[in-house]
Amino acid sequence: MQAPDFSLPDATKQIHSLADYAGKWLVLYFYPKDDTPGCTTEACGFRDAFAEYAKRSVSILGISKDTTGSHQRFAQKFELNFPLLSDKSTETIQAYGAWGQKRFMGRDFMGIIRTTFLINPAGEIVKTYVGMDTAVHASEILADIDKLQAS
């Protein structure tokens, strides 16, 4: 399946589009909220594995509906070394199917469903991750990339 296009600002308000990553592997991950426990664990996992992703020529982008200012504070606090994109309208989040019904503390609401997409150099989604363990997520994706790049 072809990955839906997007054009979204990062913490410095630089626009990133899917086309910017054409010909490269891309990890595109959607997360609920900056500076919350699961999202911090996930982001720090990607931060810590960044060199391994770079060795494999794989870029990483995180997307939430938080503001660019919130992303800037989050990235600085945890020394994140990859862009976080702001999708205030949730248009891209919805295009990727990462928006849906959630339940927290007995309350139902619509929100971001933690989802990651591995996109190949042709712009195709080759693997989708939902409901993953944020503590080992980055290393699981690396193992999958190694398998895909070897074949």
Protein backbone atom coordinates (compact mmCIF):
# COMPACT_ATOMS: atom_id res chain seq x y z
CA MET A 1 0.00 0.00 0.00
CA GLN A 2 1.29 3.44 -0.93
CA ALA A 3 1.88 5.71 2.08
CA PRO A 4 -0.38 8.79 2.16
CA ASP A 5 1.44 12.05 1.46
CA PHE A 6 1.80 14.70 4.15
CA SER A 7 3.31 18.16 4.68
CA LEU A 8 3.69 19.04 8.35
CA PRO A 9 5.85 21.41 10.43
CA ASP A 10 8.47 20.20 12.88
CA ALA A 11 9.44 21.90 16.16
CA THR A 12 11.37 24.58 14.24
CA LYS A 13 8.42 25.04 11.84
CA GLN A 14 10.35 23.45 8.95
CA ILE A 15 7.92 21.56 6.70
CA HIS A 16 8.50 17.85 6.12
CA SER A 17 6.72 15.95 3.33
CA LEU A 18 6.70 12.29 2.39
CA ALA A 19 8.40 13.31 -0.87
CA ASP A 20 11.41 14.54 1.15
CA TYR A 21 12.09 10.90 2.05
CA ALA A 22 11.61 9.40 -1.43
CA GLY A 23 14.24 6.76 -2.13
CA LYS A 24 14.87 6.21 1.60
CA TRP A 25 13.52 4.01 4.34
CA LEU A 26 11.29 5.86 6.81
CA VAL A 27 9.90 5.04 10.24
CA LEU A 28 6.77 7.16 10.68
CA TYR A 29 5.32 6.86 14.14
CA PHE A 30 2.16 8.38 15.57
CA TYR A 31 1.99 8.94 19.31
CA PRO A 32 -0.68 10.41 21.61
CA LYS A 33 1.05 13.18 23.58
CA ASP A 34 4.40 14.82 24.24
CA ASP A 35 6.08 14.20 27.60
CA THR A 36 3.79 11.40 28.80
CA PRO A 37 5.26 8.12 30.09
CA GLY A 38 4.65 5.80 27.12
CA CYS A 39 5.38 8.46 24.52
CA THR A 40 8.60 9.46 26.28
CA THR A 41 9.75 5.83 26.49
CA GLU A 42 9.03 5.35 22.79
CA ALA A 43 10.75 8.58 21.71
CA CYS A 44 13.82 7.87 23.86
CA GLY A 45 14.01 4.37 22.38
CA PHE A 46 14.25 5.89 18.89
CA ARG A 47 16.73 8.48 20.19
CA ASP A 48 18.96 5.80 21.70
CA ALA A 49 18.84 3.66 18.54
CA PHE A 50 19.30 6.62 16.18
CA ALA A 51 22.87 5.67 15.20
CA GLU A 52 21.72 2.14 14.28
CA TYR A 53 18.91 3.58 12.13
CA ALA A 54 21.37 5.98 10.48
CA LYS A 55 23.74 3.06 9.66
CA ARG A 56 20.86 1.50 7.74
CA SER A 57 19.94 4.83 6.06
CA VAL A 58 16.56 4.93 7.82
CA SER A 59 14.95 8.24 8.82
CA ILE A 60 12.60 8.61 11.80
CA LEU A 61 9.65 11.00 12.14
CA GLY A 62 7.23 11.24 15.05
CA ILE A 63 3.76 12.77 14.62
CA SER A 64 1.20 13.92 17.17
CA LYS A 65 -1.38 16.69 17.33
CA ASP A 66 0.70 18.63 19.86
CA THR A 67 1.89 22.11 18.86
CA THR A 68 5.31 22.84 17.41
CA GLY A 69 6.14 24.60 20.70
CA SER A 70 5.22 21.52 22.71
CA HIS A 71 7.36 19.41 20.37
CA GLN A 72 10.28 21.80 20.84
CA ARG A 73 10.09 21.55 24.64
CA PHE A 74 9.72 17.75 24.51
CA ALA A 75 12.63 17.35 22.08
CA GLN A 76 14.90 19.61 24.13
CA LYS A 77 14.00 18.00 27.46
CA PHE A 78 14.86 14.51 26.20
CA GLU A 79 17.53 15.49 23.64
CA LEU A 80 15.59 13.90 20.78
CA ASN A 81 17.66 13.67 17.60
CA PHE A 82 14.90 13.32 14.99
CA PRO A 83 11.98 15.55 13.94
CA LEU A 84 8.59 15.59 15.64
CA LEU A 85 5.82 16.82 13.36
CA SER A 86 2.69 18.68 14.41
CA ASP A 87 -0.66 17.64 12.91
CA LYS A 88 -3.10 19.95 14.71
CA SER A 89 -5.87 19.20 12.18
CA THR A 90 -5.30 15.41 12.54
CA GLU A 91 -5.65 15.16 8.74
CA THR A 92 -2.47 13.10 8.33
CA ILE A 93 -3.15 11.10 11.49
CA GLN A 94 -6.56 10.16 10.07
CA ALA A 95 -5.16 9.45 6.58
CA TYR A 96 -2.89 6.83 8.16
CA GLY A 97 -5.74 5.35 10.23
CA ALA A 98 -4.06 6.30 13.52
CA TRP A 99 -7.12 8.18 14.85
CA GLY A 100 -9.89 6.35 16.61
CA GLN A 101 -11.97 5.53 19.66
CA LYS A 102 -9.96 5.22 22.88
CA ARG A 103 -10.80 4.52 26.51
CA PHE A 104 -8.92 5.90 29.49
CA MET A 105 -10.00 5.87 33.14
CA GLY A 106 -13.54 4.87 32.15
CA ARG A 107 -13.89 7.66 29.62
CA ASP A 108 -14.39 7.14 25.88
CA PHE A 109 -12.90 9.68 23.49
CA MET A 110 -11.34 10.07 20.05
CA GLY A 111 -7.57 10.23 19.94
CA ILE A 112 -4.32 9.03 18.43
CA ILE A 113 -3.85 5.28 18.45
CA ARG A 114 -0.13 4.58 18.90
CA THR A 115 0.83 3.28 15.46
CA THR A 116 4.09 3.01 13.53
CA PHE A 117 4.58 2.54 9.81
CA LEU A 118 7.72 1.28 8.13
CA ILE A 119 7.88 2.83 4.67
CA ASN A 120 10.26 1.52 2.00
CA PRO A 121 12.22 3.65 -0.51
CA ALA A 122 9.36 3.32 -3.03
CA GLY A 123 6.98 5.02 -0.57
CA GLU A 124 5.09 1.83 0.26
CA ILE A 125 4.02 0.82 3.75
CA VAL A 126 5.71 -2.54 4.27
CA LYS A 127 4.90 -3.04 7.95
CA THR A 128 2.44 -1.58 10.45
CA TYR A 129 2.82 -1.78 14.23
CA VAL A 130 -0.12 -1.25 16.61
CA GLY A 131 -0.24 -1.91 20.35
CA MET A 132 3.49 -2.36 20.68
CA ASP A 133 5.63 -2.38 23.82
CA THR A 134 7.19 1.11 23.74
CA ALA A 135 10.28 -0.08 25.66
CA VAL A 136 11.41 -2.45 22.87
CA HIS A 137 9.66 -0.96 19.86
CA ALA A 138 12.72 0.71 18.30
CA SER A 139 14.79 -2.48 18.45
CA GLU A 140 11.94 -4.60 17.01
CA ILE A 141 11.72 -2.30 14.00
CA LEU A 142 15.50 -2.50 13.48
CA ALA A 143 15.27 -6.30 13.37
CA ASP A 144 12.48 -6.07 10.78
CA ILE A 145 14.48 -3.58 8.70
CA ASP A 146 17.45 -5.96 8.71
CA LYS A 147 15.23 -8.77 7.42
CA LEU A 148 13.63 -6.58 4.73
CA GLN A 149 16.90 -5.06 3.56
CA ALA A 150 18.52 -8.52 3.37
CA SER A 151 15.81 -9.88 1.05
